[in-house]
Amino acid sequence: MKSELTPGVKISITKSITTAFEQYMANIEWSEKLYSLPDFVKEWRTYIENNASWYQKLSHEVKSSPEFHQMLADKINETLEKVLSEEPTQEQIEELEALEKEVGREIDFSCKAEAKFWIDTLKKK
C-alpha cells in the first residue's frame, strides 16, 4: 500500500500534518496543558478533508486500509517529533528577546515553530 503513494503525496501528507499541527498549537497558544493528541488528530482530519488535495486523490480502499492508517500514525508521530525538536534560530531568539523587553513579558518557547508563533503574536500587540 505504501508503495501506491507517490512521493508527492507522501510529501503533501507531511506538509498537511505540519500545517495542521502549527495551526492547532497556535489555537491553544502552545499550551502543553491544553494539548490533546486526539483533538489534534480531529483537527488534522478536518484540515485534510477540506484543504488537502492529496486526500481526494486517494481511493476509498487506500483510505480504509489498516496499513494506511498505521502509516499515517507513524508519519504523525515522526512529523510532530521533528517539529518539536527543531531548535529556534539565533535570529528568532534575538527577536523574541527584544519583543519580550518591548511588551514586558517573558515567553517560554522550545522549538522553531513555537518561536515563530510568539514572534508573530507579539508583533501584533
PDB file of N, CA and C in Angstrom:
ATOM      1  N   MET A   1       0.828  -1.191   0.000  1.00  0.00           N
ATOM      2  CA  MET A   1       0.000   0.000   0.000  1.00  0.00           C
ATOM      3  C   MET A   1       0.870   1.252   0.000  1.00  0.00           C
ATOM      4  N   LYS A   2       1.879   1.283   0.865  1.00  0.00           N
ATOM      5  CA  LYS A   2       2.736   2.456   0.954  1.00  0.00           C
ATOM      6  C   LYS A   2       3.378   2.771  -0.393  1.00  0.00           C
ATOM      7  N   SER A   3       3.676   1.704  -1.161  1.00  0.00           N
ATOM      8  CA  SER A   3       4.283   1.905  -2.477  1.00  0.00           C
ATOM      9  C   SER A   3       3.288   2.511  -3.462  1.00  0.00           C
ATOM     10  N   GLU A   4       1.987   2.439  -3.151  1.00  0.00           N
ATOM     11  CA  GLU A   4       0.977   3.044  -4.012  1.00  0.00           C
ATOM     12  C   GLU A   4       0.974   4.575  -3.896  1.00  0.00           C
ATOM     13  N   LEU A   5       1.545   5.098  -2.825  1.00  0.00           N
ATOM     14  CA  LEU A   5       1.567   6.543  -2.611  1.00  0.00           C
ATOM     15  C   LEU A   5       2.769   7.139  -3.342  1.00  0.00           C
ATOM     16  N   THR A   6       2.500   8.138  -4.160  1.00  0.00           N
ATOM     17  CA  THR A   6       3.589   8.789  -4.889  1.00  0.00           C
ATOM     18  C   THR A   6       4.427   9.616  -3.923  1.00  0.00           C
ATOM     19  N   PRO A   7       5.671   9.920  -4.302  1.00  0.00           N
ATOM     20  CA  PRO A   7       6.493  10.786  -3.444  1.00  0.00           C
ATOM     21  C   PRO A   7       5.809  12.133  -3.172  1.00  0.00           C
ATOM     22  N   GLY A   8       5.105  12.661  -4.163  1.00  0.00           N
ATOM     23  CA  GLY A   8       4.404  13.935  -3.978  1.00  0.00           C
ATOM     24  C   GLY A   8       3.319  13.844  -2.924  1.00  0.00           C
ATOM     25  N   VAL A   9       2.582  12.731  -2.911  1.00  0.00           N
ATOM     26  CA  VAL A   9       1.535  12.537  -1.908  1.00  0.00           C
ATOM     27  C   VAL A   9       2.166  12.389  -0.525  1.00  0.00           C
ATOM     28  N   LYS A  10       3.260  11.658  -0.440  1.00  0.00           N
ATOM     29  CA  LYS A  10       3.937  11.479   0.850  1.00  0.00           C
ATOM     30  C   LYS A  10       4.415  12.821   1.404  1.00  0.00           C
ATOM     31  N   ILE A  11       4.966  13.663   0.537  1.00  0.00           N
ATOM     32  CA  ILE A  11       5.412  14.993   0.961  1.00  0.00           C
ATOM     33  C   ILE A  11       4.214  15.834   1.384  1.00  0.00           C
ATOM     34  N   SER A  12       3.124  15.750   0.623  1.00  0.00           N
ATOM     35  CA  SER A  12       1.915  16.509   0.951  1.00  0.00           C
ATOM     36  C   SER A  12       1.318  16.071   2.277  1.00  0.00           C
ATOM     37  N   ILE A  13       1.382  14.784   2.578  1.00  0.00           N
ATOM     38  CA  ILE A  13       0.890  14.285   3.863  1.00  0.00           C
ATOM     39  C   ILE A  13       1.699  14.927   4.989  1.00  0.00           C
ATOM     40  N   THR A  14       3.016  14.925   4.856  1.00  0.00           N
ATOM     41  CA  THR A  14       3.874  15.521   5.881  1.00  0.00           C
ATOM     42  C   THR A  14       3.585  17.010   6.043  1.00  0.00           C
ATOM     43  N   LYS A  15       3.441  17.720   4.919  1.00  0.00           N
ATOM     44  CA  LYS A  15       3.154  19.158   4.996  1.00  0.00           C
ATOM     45  C   LYS A  15       1.803  19.414   5.658  1.00  0.00           C
ATOM     46  N   SER A  16       0.808  18.573   5.362  1.00  0.00           N
ATOM     47  CA  SER A  16      -0.508  18.779   5.973  1.00  0.00           C
ATOM     48  C   SER A  16      -0.455  18.545   7.481  1.00  0.00           C
ATOM     49  N   ILE A  17       0.328  17.575   7.906  1.00  0.00           N
ATOM     50  CA  ILE A  17       0.482  17.328   9.347  1.00  0.00           C
ATOM     51  C   ILE A  17       1.149  18.526  10.005  1.00  0.00           C
ATOM     52  N   THR A  18       2.216  19.012   9.405  1.00  0.00           N
ATOM     53  CA  THR A  18       2.940  20.164   9.955  1.00  0.00           C
ATOM     54  C   THR A  18       2.038  21.394  10.024  1.00  0.00           C
ATOM     55  N   THR A  19       1.358  21.698   8.935  1.00  0.00           N
ATOM     56  CA  THR A  19       0.480  22.877   8.887  1.00  0.00           C
ATOM     57  C   THR A  19      -0.633  22.773   9.915  1.00  0.00           C
ATOM     58  N   ALA A  20      -1.315  21.633   9.953  1.00  0.00           N
ATOM     59  CA  ALA A  20      -2.417  21.459  10.897  1.00  0.00           C
ATOM     60  C   ALA A  20      -1.922  21.507  12.340  1.00  0.00           C
ATOM     61  N   PHE A  21      -0.747  20.930  12.603  1.00  0.00           N
ATOM     62  CA  PHE A  21      -0.197  20.946  13.959  1.00  0.00           C
ATOM     63  C   PHE A  21       0.126  22.371  14.392  1.00  0.00           C
ATOM     64  N   GLU A  22       0.776  23.131  13.522  1.00  0.00           N
ATOM     65  CA  GLU A  22       1.119  24.508  13.874  1.00  0.00           C
ATOM     66  C   GLU A  22      -0.144  25.350  14.072  1.00  0.00           C
ATOM     67  N   GLN A  23      -1.183  25.110  13.272  1.00  0.00           N
ATOM     68  CA  GLN A  23      -2.450  25.829  13.447  1.00  0.00           C
ATOM     69  C   GLN A  23      -3.109  25.437  14.769  1.00  0.00           C
ATOM     70  N   TYR A  24      -3.118  24.146  15.049  1.00  0.00           N
ATOM     71  CA  TYR A  24      -3.703  23.662  16.302  1.00  0.00           C
ATOM     72  C   TYR A  24      -2.969  24.262  17.502  1.00  0.00           C
ATOM     73  N   MET A  25      -1.652  24.212  17.467  1.00  0.00           N
ATOM     74  CA  MET A  25      -0.875  24.747  18.577  1.00  0.00           C
ATOM     75  C   MET A  25      -1.066  26.254  18.724  1.00  0.00           C
ATOM     76  N   ALA A  26      -1.195  26.964  17.625  1.00  0.00           N
ATOM     77  CA  ALA A  26      -1.460  28.402  17.687  1.00  0.00           C
ATOM     78  C   ALA A  26      -2.820  28.655  18.349  1.00  0.00           C
ATOM     79  N   ASN A  27      -3.801  27.835  18.016  1.00  0.00           N
ATOM     80  CA  ASN A  27      -5.141  27.996  18.612  1.00  0.00           C
ATOM     81  C   ASN A  27      -5.123  27.814  20.122  1.00  0.00           C
ATOM     82  N   ILE A  28      -4.220  26.982  20.618  1.00  0.00           N
ATOM     83  CA  ILE A  28      -4.137  26.767  22.071  1.00  0.00           C
ATOM     84  C   ILE A  28      -2.935  27.515  22.659  1.00  0.00           C
ATOM     85  N   GLU A  29      -2.373  28.424  21.874  1.00  0.00           N
ATOM     86  CA  GLU A  29      -1.226  29.247  22.268  1.00  0.00           C
ATOM     87  C   GLU A  29      -0.078  28.400  22.818  1.00  0.00           C
ATOM     88  N   TRP A  30       0.176  27.300  22.178  1.00  0.00           N
ATOM     89  CA  TRP A  30       1.279  26.393  22.505  1.00  0.00           C
ATOM     90  C   TRP A  30       1.254  25.942  23.971  1.00  0.00           C
ATOM     91  N   SER A  31       0.064  25.804  24.533  1.00  0.00           N
ATOM     92  CA  SER A  31      -0.087  25.370  25.924  1.00  0.00           C
ATOM     93  C   SER A  31       0.018  23.854  26.025  1.00  0.00           C
ATOM     94  N   GLU A  32       1.013  23.382  26.767  1.00  0.00           N
ATOM     95  CA  GLU A  32       1.162  21.947  26.989  1.00  0.00           C
ATOM     96  C   GLU A  32      -0.033  21.392  27.769  1.00  0.00           C
ATOM     97  N   LYS A  33      -0.598  22.210  28.632  1.00  0.00           N
ATOM     98  CA  LYS A  33      -1.743  21.770  29.433  1.00  0.00           C
ATOM     99  C   LYS A  33      -2.986  21.553  28.580  1.00  0.00           C
ATOM    100  N   LEU A  34      -3.138  22.349  27.524  1.00  0.00           N
ATOM    101  CA  LEU A  34      -4.319  22.237  26.668  1.00  0.00           C
ATOM    102  C   LEU A  34      -4.144  21.239  25.524  1.00  0.00           C
ATOM    103  N   TYR A  35      -2.901  20.817  25.285  1.00  0.00           N
ATOM    104  CA  TYR A  35      -2.630  19.920  24.163  1.00  0.00           C
ATOM    105  C   TYR A  35      -3.296  18.566  24.360  1.00  0.00           C
ATOM    106  N   SER A  36      -3.914  18.084  23.289  1.00  0.00           N
ATOM    107  CA  SER A  36      -4.538  16.759  23.292  1.00  0.00           C
ATOM    108  C   SER A  36      -4.306  16.141  21.917  1.00  0.00           C
ATOM    109  N   LEU A  37      -3.637  14.996  21.888  1.00  0.00           N
ATOM    110  CA  LEU A  37      -3.387  14.322  20.619  1.00  0.00           C
ATOM    111  C   LEU A  37      -4.700  13.987  19.904  1.00  0.00           C
ATOM    112  N   PRO A  38      -5.704  13.451  20.593  1.00  0.00           N
ATOM    113  CA  PRO A  38      -6.968  13.185  19.888  1.00  0.00           C
ATOM    114  C   PRO A  38      -7.595  14.461  19.303  1.00  0.00           C
ATOM    115  N   ASP A  39      -7.497  15.574  20.017  1.00  0.00           N
ATOM    116  CA  ASP A  39      -8.028  16.839  19.485  1.00  0.00           C
ATOM    117  C   ASP A  39      -7.239  17.279  18.261  1.00  0.00           C
ATOM    118  N   PHE A  40      -5.910  17.131  18.319  1.00  0.00           N
ATOM    119  CA  PHE A  40      -5.100  17.486  17.161  1.00  0.00           C
ATOM    120  C   PHE A  40      -5.462  16.624  15.961  1.00  0.00           C
ATOM    121  N   VAL A  41      -5.570  15.314  16.157  1.00  0.00           N
ATOM    122  CA  VAL A  41      -5.881  14.406  15.049  1.00  0.00           C
ATOM    123  C   VAL A  41      -7.247  14.753  14.450  1.00  0.00           C
ATOM    124  N   LYS A  42      -8.193  15.095  15.302  1.00  0.00           N
ATOM    125  CA  LYS A  42      -9.526  15.503  14.825  1.00  0.00           C
ATOM    126  C   LYS A  42      -9.406  16.763  13.961  1.00  0.00           C
ATOM    127  N   GLU A  43      -8.622  17.732  14.410  1.00  0.00           N
ATOM    128  CA  GLU A  43      -8.428  18.968  13.651  1.00  0.00           C
ATOM    129  C   GLU A  43      -7.680  18.690  12.341  1.00  0.00           C
ATOM    130  N   TRP A  44      -6.696  17.794  12.393  1.00  0.00           N
ATOM    131  CA  TRP A  44      -5.953  17.441  11.189  1.00  0.00           C
ATOM    132  C   TRP A  44      -6.879  16.772  10.181  1.00  0.00           C
ATOM    133  N   ARG A  45      -7.754  15.886  10.654  1.00  0.00           N
ATOM    134  CA  ARG A  45      -8.702  15.216   9.765  1.00  0.00           C
ATOM    135  C   ARG A  45      -9.588  16.247   9.063  1.00  0.00           C
ATOM    136  N   THR A  46     -10.086  17.198   9.812  1.00  0.00           N
ATOM    137  CA  THR A  46     -10.903  18.261   9.218  1.00  0.00           C
ATOM    138  C   THR A  46     -10.090  19.031   8.188  1.00  0.00           C
ATOM    139  N   TYR A  47      -8.844  19.315   8.522  1.00  0.00           N
ATOM    140  CA  TYR A  47      -7.962  20.045   7.604  1.00  0.00           C
ATOM    141  C   TYR A  47      -7.781  19.277   6.291  1.00  0.00           C
ATOM    142  N   ILE A  48      -7.462  17.986   6.377  1.00  0.00           N
ATOM    143  CA  ILE A  48      -7.197  17.241   5.143  1.00  0.00           C
ATOM    144  C   ILE A  48      -8.466  17.042   4.321  1.00  0.00           C
ATOM    145  N   GLU A  49      -9.590  16.881   4.985  1.00  0.00           N
ATOM    146  CA  GLU A  49     -10.839  16.695   4.243  1.00  0.00           C
ATOM    147  C   GLU A  49     -11.255  17.967   3.508  1.00  0.00           C
ATOM    148  N   ASN A  50     -10.883  19.124   4.039  1.00  0.00           N
ATOM    149  CA  ASN A  50     -11.303  20.400   3.447  1.00  0.00           C
ATOM    150  C   ASN A  50     -10.219  21.123   2.646  1.00  0.00           C
ATOM    151  N   ASN A  51      -8.947  20.840   2.912  1.00  0.00           N
ATOM    152  CA  ASN A  51      -7.876  21.640   2.315  1.00  0.00           C
ATOM    153  C   ASN A  51      -6.797  20.861   1.580  1.00  0.00           C
ATOM    154  N   ALA A  52      -6.766  19.556   1.715  1.00  0.00           N
ATOM    155  CA  ALA A  52      -5.640  18.801   1.154  1.00  0.00           C
ATOM    156  C   ALA A  52      -6.059  18.049  -0.108  1.00  0.00           C
ATOM    157  N   SER A  53      -5.504  18.460  -1.229  1.00  0.00           N
ATOM    158  CA  SER A  53      -5.862  17.809  -2.495  1.00  0.00           C
ATOM    159  C   SER A  53      -5.414  16.351  -2.532  1.00  0.00           C
ATOM    160  N   TRP A  54      -4.337  16.016  -1.832  1.00  0.00           N
ATOM    161  CA  TRP A  54      -3.865  14.634  -1.843  1.00  0.00           C
ATOM    162  C   TRP A  54      -4.904  13.674  -1.295  1.00  0.00           C
ATOM    163  N   TYR A  55      -5.693  14.121  -0.340  1.00  0.00           N
ATOM    164  CA  TYR A  55      -6.674  13.253   0.302  1.00  0.00           C
ATOM    165  C   TYR A  55      -7.762  12.829  -0.687  1.00  0.00           C
ATOM    166  N   GLN A  56      -8.196  13.761  -1.530  1.00  0.00           N
ATOM    167  CA  GLN A  56      -9.217  13.459  -2.521  1.00  0.00           C
ATOM    168  C   GLN A  56      -8.688  12.514  -3.609  1.00  0.00           C
ATOM    169  N   LYS A  57      -7.385  12.496  -3.808  1.00  0.00           N
ATOM    170  CA  LYS A  57      -6.781  11.660  -4.845  1.00  0.00           C
ATOM    171  C   LYS A  57      -6.705  10.186  -4.451  1.00  0.00           C
ATOM    172  N   LEU A  58      -6.809   9.911  -3.158  1.00  0.00           N
ATOM    173  CA  LEU A  58      -6.686   8.527  -2.699  1.00  0.00           C
ATOM    174  C   LEU A  58      -8.002   7.771  -2.868  1.00  0.00           C
ATOM    175  N   SER A  59      -7.890   6.518  -3.218  1.00  0.00           N
ATOM    176  CA  SER A  59      -9.078   5.686  -3.357  1.00  0.00           C
ATOM    177  C   SER A  59      -9.670   5.376  -1.985  1.00  0.00           C
ATOM    178  N   HIS A  60     -10.924   4.983  -1.991  1.00  0.00           N
ATOM    179  CA  HIS A  60     -11.587   4.597  -0.739  1.00  0.00           C
ATOM    180  C   HIS A  60     -10.878   3.397  -0.119  1.00  0.00           C
ATOM    181  N   GLU A  61     -10.387   2.494  -0.977  1.00  0.00           N
ATOM    182  CA  GLU A  61      -9.693   1.304  -0.491  1.00  0.00           C
ATOM    183  C   GLU A  61      -8.431   1.687   0.287  1.00  0.00           C
ATOM    184  N   VAL A  62      -7.685   2.624  -0.259  1.00  0.00           N
ATOM    185  CA  VAL A  62      -6.465   3.070   0.430  1.00  0.00           C
ATOM    186  C   VAL A  62      -6.828   3.760   1.740  1.00  0.00           C
ATOM    187  N   LYS A  63      -7.810   4.668   1.685  1.00  0.00           N
ATOM    188  CA  LYS A  63      -8.204   5.414   2.888  1.00  0.00           C
ATOM    189  C   LYS A  63      -8.708   4.503   4.006  1.00  0.00           C
ATOM    190  N   SER A  64      -9.300   3.380   3.650  1.00  0.00           N
ATOM    191  CA  SER A  64      -9.842   2.490   4.679  1.00  0.00           C
ATOM    192  C   SER A  64      -8.872   1.375   5.069  1.00  0.00           C
ATOM    193  N   SER A  65      -7.724   1.346   4.461  1.00  0.00           N
ATOM    194  CA  SER A  65      -6.734   0.307   4.723  1.00  0.00           C
ATOM    195  C   SER A  65      -6.086   0.476   6.097  1.00  0.00           C
ATOM    196  N   PRO A  66      -6.040  -0.592   6.903  1.00  0.00           N
ATOM    197  CA  PRO A  66      -5.343  -0.518   8.195  1.00  0.00           C
ATOM    198  C   PRO A  66      -3.862  -0.158   8.018  1.00  0.00           C
ATOM    199  N   GLU A  67      -3.255  -0.623   6.948  1.00  0.00           N
ATOM    200  CA  GLU A  67      -1.848  -0.303   6.686  1.00  0.00           C
ATOM    201  C   GLU A  67      -1.675   1.197   6.454  1.00  0.00           C
ATOM    202  N   PHE A  68      -2.612   1.805   5.746  1.00  0.00           N
ATOM    203  CA  PHE A  68      -2.569   3.249   5.502  1.00  0.00           C
ATOM    204  C   PHE A  68      -2.712   4.004   6.826  1.00  0.00           C
ATOM    205  N   HIS A  69      -3.637   3.562   7.664  1.00  0.00           N
ATOM    206  CA  HIS A  69      -3.839   4.227   8.960  1.00  0.00           C
ATOM    207  C   HIS A  69      -2.609   4.094   9.853  1.00  0.00           C
ATOM    208  N   GLN A  70      -1.954   2.949   9.806  1.00  0.00           N
ATOM    209  CA  GLN A  70      -0.724   2.778  10.584  1.00  0.00           C
ATOM    210  C   GLN A  70       0.373   3.673  10.044  1.00  0.00           C
ATOM    211  N   MET A  71       0.466   3.768   8.717  1.00  0.00           N
ATOM    212  CA  MET A  71       1.463   4.645   8.101  1.00  0.00           C
ATOM    213  C   MET A  71       1.203   6.100   8.508  1.00  0.00           C
ATOM    214  N   LEU A  72      -0.077   6.506   8.524  1.00  0.00           N
ATOM    215  CA  LEU A  72      -0.414   7.874   8.946  1.00  0.00           C
ATOM    216  C   LEU A  72      -0.040   8.101  10.407  1.00  0.00           C
ATOM    217  N   ALA A  73      -0.339   7.144  11.268  1.00  0.00           N
ATOM    218  CA  ALA A  73       0.010   7.285  12.693  1.00  0.00           C
ATOM    219  C   ALA A  73       1.514   7.436  12.857  1.00  0.00           C
ATOM    220  N   ASP A  74       2.271   6.609  12.135  1.00  0.00           N
ATOM    221  CA  ASP A  74       3.724   6.699  12.198  1.00  0.00           C
ATOM    222  C   ASP A  74       4.209   8.045  11.672  1.00  0.00           C
ATOM    223  N   LYS A  75       3.614   8.519  10.575  1.00  0.00           N
ATOM    224  CA  LYS A  75       4.020   9.785   9.968  1.00  0.00           C
ATOM    225  C   LYS A  75       3.675  10.954  10.895  1.00  0.00           C
ATOM    226  N   ILE A  76       2.529  10.888  11.560  1.00  0.00           N
ATOM    227  CA  ILE A  76       2.161  11.942  12.514  1.00  0.00           C
ATOM    228  C   ILE A  76       3.195  11.995  13.634  1.00  0.00           C
ATOM    229  N   ASN A  77       3.515  10.857  14.220  1.00  0.00           N
ATOM    230  CA  ASN A  77       4.497  10.820  15.310  1.00  0.00           C
ATOM    231  C   ASN A  77       5.855  11.340  14.858  1.00  0.00           C
ATOM    232  N   GLU A  78       6.292  10.900  13.698  1.00  0.00           N
ATOM    233  CA  GLU A  78       7.588  11.316  13.161  1.00  0.00           C
ATOM    234  C   GLU A  78       7.606  12.821  12.881  1.00  0.00           C
ATOM    235  N   THR A  79       6.535  13.326  12.294  1.00  0.00           N
ATOM    236  CA  THR A  79       6.472  14.750  11.933  1.00  0.00           C
ATOM    237  C   THR A  79       6.403  15.633  13.171  1.00  0.00           C
ATOM    238  N   LEU A  80       5.596  15.250  14.147  1.00  0.00           N
ATOM    239  CA  LEU A  80       5.498  16.051  15.372  1.00  0.00           C
ATOM    240  C   LEU A  80       6.819  16.059  16.117  1.00  0.00           C
ATOM    241  N   GLU A  81       7.494  14.928  16.143  1.00  0.00           N
ATOM    242  CA  GLU A  81       8.808  14.856  16.796  1.00  0.00           C
ATOM    243  C   GLU A  81       9.782  15.808  16.102  1.00  0.00           C
ATOM    244  N   LYS A  82       9.739  15.826  14.781  1.00  0.00           N
ATOM    245  CA  LYS A  82      10.642  16.708  14.032  1.00  0.00           C
ATOM    246  C   LYS A  82      10.329  18.182  14.309  1.00  0.00           C
ATOM    247  N   VAL A  83       9.057  18.547  14.268  1.00  0.00           N
ATOM    248  CA  VAL A  83       8.669  19.941  14.524  1.00  0.00           C
ATOM    249  C   VAL A  83       9.096  20.362  15.925  1.00  0.00           C
ATOM    250  N   LEU A  84       8.828  19.513  16.904  1.00  0.00           N
ATOM    251  CA  LEU A  84       9.106  19.865  18.296  1.00  0.00           C
ATOM    252  C   LEU A  84      10.590  19.847  18.642  1.00  0.00           C
ATOM    253  N   SER A  85      11.389  19.168  17.844  1.00  0.00           N
ATOM    254  CA  SER A  85      12.823  19.097  18.151  1.00  0.00           C
ATOM    255  C   SER A  85      13.661  20.088  17.346  1.00  0.00           C
ATOM    256  N   GLU A  86      13.038  20.811  16.437  1.00  0.00           N
ATOM    257  CA  GLU A  86      13.793  21.780  15.639  1.00  0.00           C
ATOM    258  C   GLU A  86      14.067  23.029  16.473  1.00  0.00           C
ATOM    259  N   GLU A  87      15.324  23.278  16.725  1.00  0.00           N
ATOM    260  CA  GLU A  87      15.742  24.390  17.589  1.00  0.00           C
ATOM    261  C   GLU A  87      15.403  25.748  16.968  1.00  0.00           C
ATOM    262  N   PRO A  88      15.040  26.725  17.799  1.00  0.00           N
ATOM    263  CA  PRO A  88      14.843  28.077  17.286  1.00  0.00           C
ATOM    264  C   PRO A  88      16.155  28.613  16.715  1.00  0.00           C
ATOM    265  N   THR A  89      16.053  29.450  15.710  1.00  0.00           N
ATOM    266  CA  THR A  89      17.264  30.048  15.143  1.00  0.00           C
ATOM    267  C   THR A  89      17.780  31.136  16.082  1.00  0.00           C
ATOM    268  N   GLN A  90      19.034  31.497  15.912  1.00  0.00           N
ATOM    269  CA  GLN A  90      19.609  32.576  16.712  1.00  0.00           C
ATOM    270  C   GLN A  90      18.854  33.880  16.456  1.00  0.00           C
ATOM    271  N   GLU A  91      18.449  34.096  15.212  1.00  0.00           N
ATOM    272  CA  GLU A  91      17.688  35.302  14.861  1.00  0.00           C
ATOM    273  C   GLU A  91      16.352  35.323  15.602  1.00  0.00           C
ATOM    274  N   GLN A  92      15.677  34.174  15.673  1.00  0.00           N
ATOM    275  CA  GLN A  92      14.409  34.104  16.403  1.00  0.00           C
ATOM    276  C   GLN A  92      14.613  34.398  17.886  1.00  0.00           C
ATOM    277  N   ILE A  93      15.650  33.832  18.453  1.00  0.00           N
ATOM    278  CA  ILE A  93      15.935  34.044  19.878  1.00  0.00           C
ATOM    279  C   ILE A  93      16.171  35.528  20.151  1.00  0.00           C
ATOM    280  N   GLU A  94      16.980  36.154  19.312  1.00  0.00           N
ATOM    281  CA  GLU A  94      17.275  37.576  19.495  1.00  0.00           C
ATOM    282  C   GLU A  94      16.023  38.432  19.304  1.00  0.00           C
ATOM    283  N   GLU A  95      15.216  38.088  18.295  1.00  0.00           N
ATOM    284  CA  GLU A  95      13.995  38.860  18.048  1.00  0.00           C
ATOM    285  C   GLU A  95      13.002  38.695  19.198  1.00  0.00           C
ATOM    286  N   LEU A  96      12.886  37.487  19.710  1.00  0.00           N
ATOM    287  CA  LEU A  96      11.990  37.267  20.844  1.00  0.00           C
ATOM    288  C   LEU A  96      12.457  37.991  22.090  1.00  0.00           C
ATOM    289  N   GLU A  97      13.758  38.001  22.336  1.00  0.00           N
ATOM    290  CA  GLU A  97      14.286  38.729  23.498  1.00  0.00           C
ATOM    291  C   GLU A  97      13.945  40.208  23.399  1.00  0.00           C
ATOM    292  N   ALA A  98      14.090  40.784  22.210  1.00  0.00           N
ATOM    293  CA  ALA A  98      13.764  42.192  22.010  1.00  0.00           C
ATOM    294  C   ALA A  98      12.260  42.431  22.194  1.00  0.00           C
ATOM    295  N   LEU A  99      11.443  41.556  21.665  1.00  0.00           N
ATOM    296  CA  LEU A  99       9.988  41.698  21.800  1.00  0.00           C
ATOM    297  C   LEU A  99       9.545  41.523  23.251  1.00  0.00           C
ATOM    298  N   GLU A 100      10.189  40.622  23.971  1.00  0.00           N
ATOM    299  CA  GLU A 100       9.863  40.425  25.386  1.00  0.00           C
ATOM    300  C   GLU A 100      10.108  41.714  26.166  1.00  0.00           C
ATOM    301  N   LYS A 101      11.221  42.362  25.898  1.00  0.00           N
ATOM    302  CA  LYS A 101      11.527  43.632  26.576  1.00  0.00           C
ATOM    303  C   LYS A 101      10.505  44.690  26.207  1.00  0.00           C
ATOM    304  N   GLU A 102      10.135  44.717  24.941  1.00  0.00           N
ATOM    305  CA  GLU A 102       9.192  45.713  24.433  1.00  0.00           C
ATOM    306  C   GLU A 102       7.817  45.577  25.088  1.00  0.00           C
ATOM    307  N   VAL A 103       7.341  44.334  25.248  1.00  0.00           N
ATOM    308  CA  VAL A 103       5.999  44.127  25.807  1.00  0.00           C
ATOM    309  C   VAL A 103       6.025  43.847  27.307  1.00  0.00           C
ATOM    310  N   GLY A 104       7.210  43.686  27.880  1.00  0.00           N
ATOM    311  CA  GLY A 104       7.325  43.440  29.312  1.00  0.00           C
ATOM    312  C   GLY A 104       6.800  42.077  29.728  1.00  0.00           C
ATOM    313  N   ARG A 105       7.040  41.092  28.904  1.00  0.00           N
ATOM    314  CA  ARG A 105       6.545  39.742  29.191  1.00  0.00           C
ATOM    315  C   ARG A 105       7.612  38.727  28.812  1.00  0.00           C
ATOM    316  N   GLU A 106       7.826  37.753  29.690  1.00  0.00           N
ATOM    317  CA  GLU A 106       8.790  36.697  29.399  1.00  0.00           C
ATOM    318  C   GLU A 106       8.044  35.506  28.801  1.00  0.00           C
ATOM    319  N   ILE A 107       8.559  35.001  27.696  1.00  0.00           N
ATOM    320  CA  ILE A 107       7.923  33.903  26.967  1.00  0.00           C
ATOM    321  C   ILE A 107       8.819  32.669  27.021  1.00  0.00           C
ATOM    322  N   ASP A 108       8.221  31.540  27.355  1.00  0.00           N
ATOM    323  CA  ASP A 108       8.934  30.266  27.273  1.00  0.00           C
ATOM    324  C   ASP A 108       8.634  29.648  25.918  1.00  0.00           C
ATOM    325  N   PHE A 109       9.663  29.207  25.235  1.00  0.00           N
ATOM    326  CA  PHE A 109       9.497  28.550  23.945  1.00  0.00           C
ATOM    327  C   PHE A 109      10.587  27.514  23.799  1.00  0.00           C
ATOM    328  N   SER A 110      10.287  26.472  23.035  1.00  0.00           N
ATOM    329  CA  SER A 110      11.269  25.389  22.970  1.00  0.00           C
ATOM    330  C   SER A 110      11.629  24.947  21.557  1.00  0.00           C
ATOM    331  N   CYS A 111      10.884  25.389  20.552  1.00  0.00           N
ATOM    332  CA  CYS A 111      11.194  24.950  19.195  1.00  0.00           C
ATOM    333  C   CYS A 111      10.995  26.100  18.209  1.00  0.00           C
ATOM    334  N   LYS A 112      11.469  25.891  17.026  1.00  0.00           N
ATOM    335  CA  LYS A 112      11.422  26.912  15.982  1.00  0.00           C
ATOM    336  C   LYS A 112       9.983  27.351  15.671  1.00  0.00           C
ATOM    337  N   ALA A 113       9.059  26.385  15.567  1.00  0.00           N
ATOM    338  CA  ALA A 113       7.663  26.711  15.251  1.00  0.00           C
ATOM    339  C   ALA A 113       7.014  27.515  16.372  1.00  0.00           C
ATOM    340  N   GLU A 114       7.310  27.168  17.607  1.00  0.00           N
ATOM    341  CA  GLU A 114       6.753  27.907  18.740  1.00  0.00           C
ATOM    342  C   GLU A 114       7.338  29.316  18.788  1.00  0.00           C
ATOM    343  N   ALA A 115       8.625  29.443  18.519  1.00  0.00           N
ATOM    344  CA  ALA A 115       9.250  30.766  18.487  1.00  0.00           C
ATOM    345  C   ALA A 115       8.596  31.635  17.420  1.00  0.00           C
ATOM    346  N   LYS A 116       8.333  31.068  16.249  1.00  0.00           N
ATOM    347  CA  LYS A 116       7.668  31.810  15.171  1.00  0.00           C
ATOM    348  C   LYS A 116       6.286  32.278  15.628  1.00  0.00           C
ATOM    349  N   PHE A 117       5.545  31.384  16.280  1.00  0.00           N
ATOM    350  CA  PHE A 117       4.224  31.757  16.785  1.00  0.00           C
ATOM    351  C   PHE A 117       4.314  32.959  17.724  1.00  0.00           C
ATOM    352  N   TRP A 118       5.247  32.919  18.668  1.00  0.00           N
ATOM    353  CA  TRP A 118       5.345  34.007  19.648  1.00  0.00           C
ATOM    354  C   TRP A 118       5.842  35.299  19.005  1.00  0.00           C
ATOM    355  N   ILE A 119       6.736  35.200  18.039  1.00  0.00           N
ATOM    356  CA  ILE A 119       7.177  36.405  17.330  1.00  0.00           C
ATOM    357  C   ILE A 119       5.997  37.047  16.619  1.00  0.00           C
ATOM    358  N   ASP A 120       5.241  36.254  15.896  1.00  0.00           N
ATOM    359  CA  ASP A 120       4.080  36.778  15.175  1.00  0.00           C
ATOM    360  C   ASP A 120       3.053  37.363  16.137  1.00  0.00           C
ATOM    361  N   THR A 121       2.812  36.673  17.241  1.00  0.00           N
ATOM    362  CA  THR A 121       1.820  37.121  18.228  1.00  0.00           C
ATOM    363  C   THR A 121       2.245  38.429  18.895  1.00  0.00           C
ATOM    364  N   LEU A 122       3.509  38.504  19.304  1.00  0.00           N
ATOM    365  CA  LEU A 122       3.973  39.706  19.988  1.00  0.00           C
ATOM    366  C   LEU A 122       4.077  40.898  19.031  1.00  0.00           C
ATOM    367  N   LYS A 123       4.356  40.657  17.777  1.00  0.00           N
ATOM    368  CA  LYS A 123       4.405  41.754  16.815  1.00  0.00           C
ATOM    369  C   LYS A 123       3.039  42.384  16.599  1.00  0.00           C
ATOM    370  N   LYS A 124       1.982  41.613  16.788  1.00  0.00           N
ATOM    371  CA  LYS A 124       0.624  42.114  16.612  1.00  0.00           C
ATOM    372  C   LYS A 124       0.179  42.998  17.769  1.00  0.00           C
ATOM    373  N   LYS A 125       0.876  42.855  18.912  1.00  0.00           N
ATOM    374  CA  LYS A 125       0.464  43.613  20.105  1.00  0.00           C
ATOM    375  C   LYS A 125       1.027  45.009  20.109  1.00  0.00           C
TER     376      LYS A 125
END
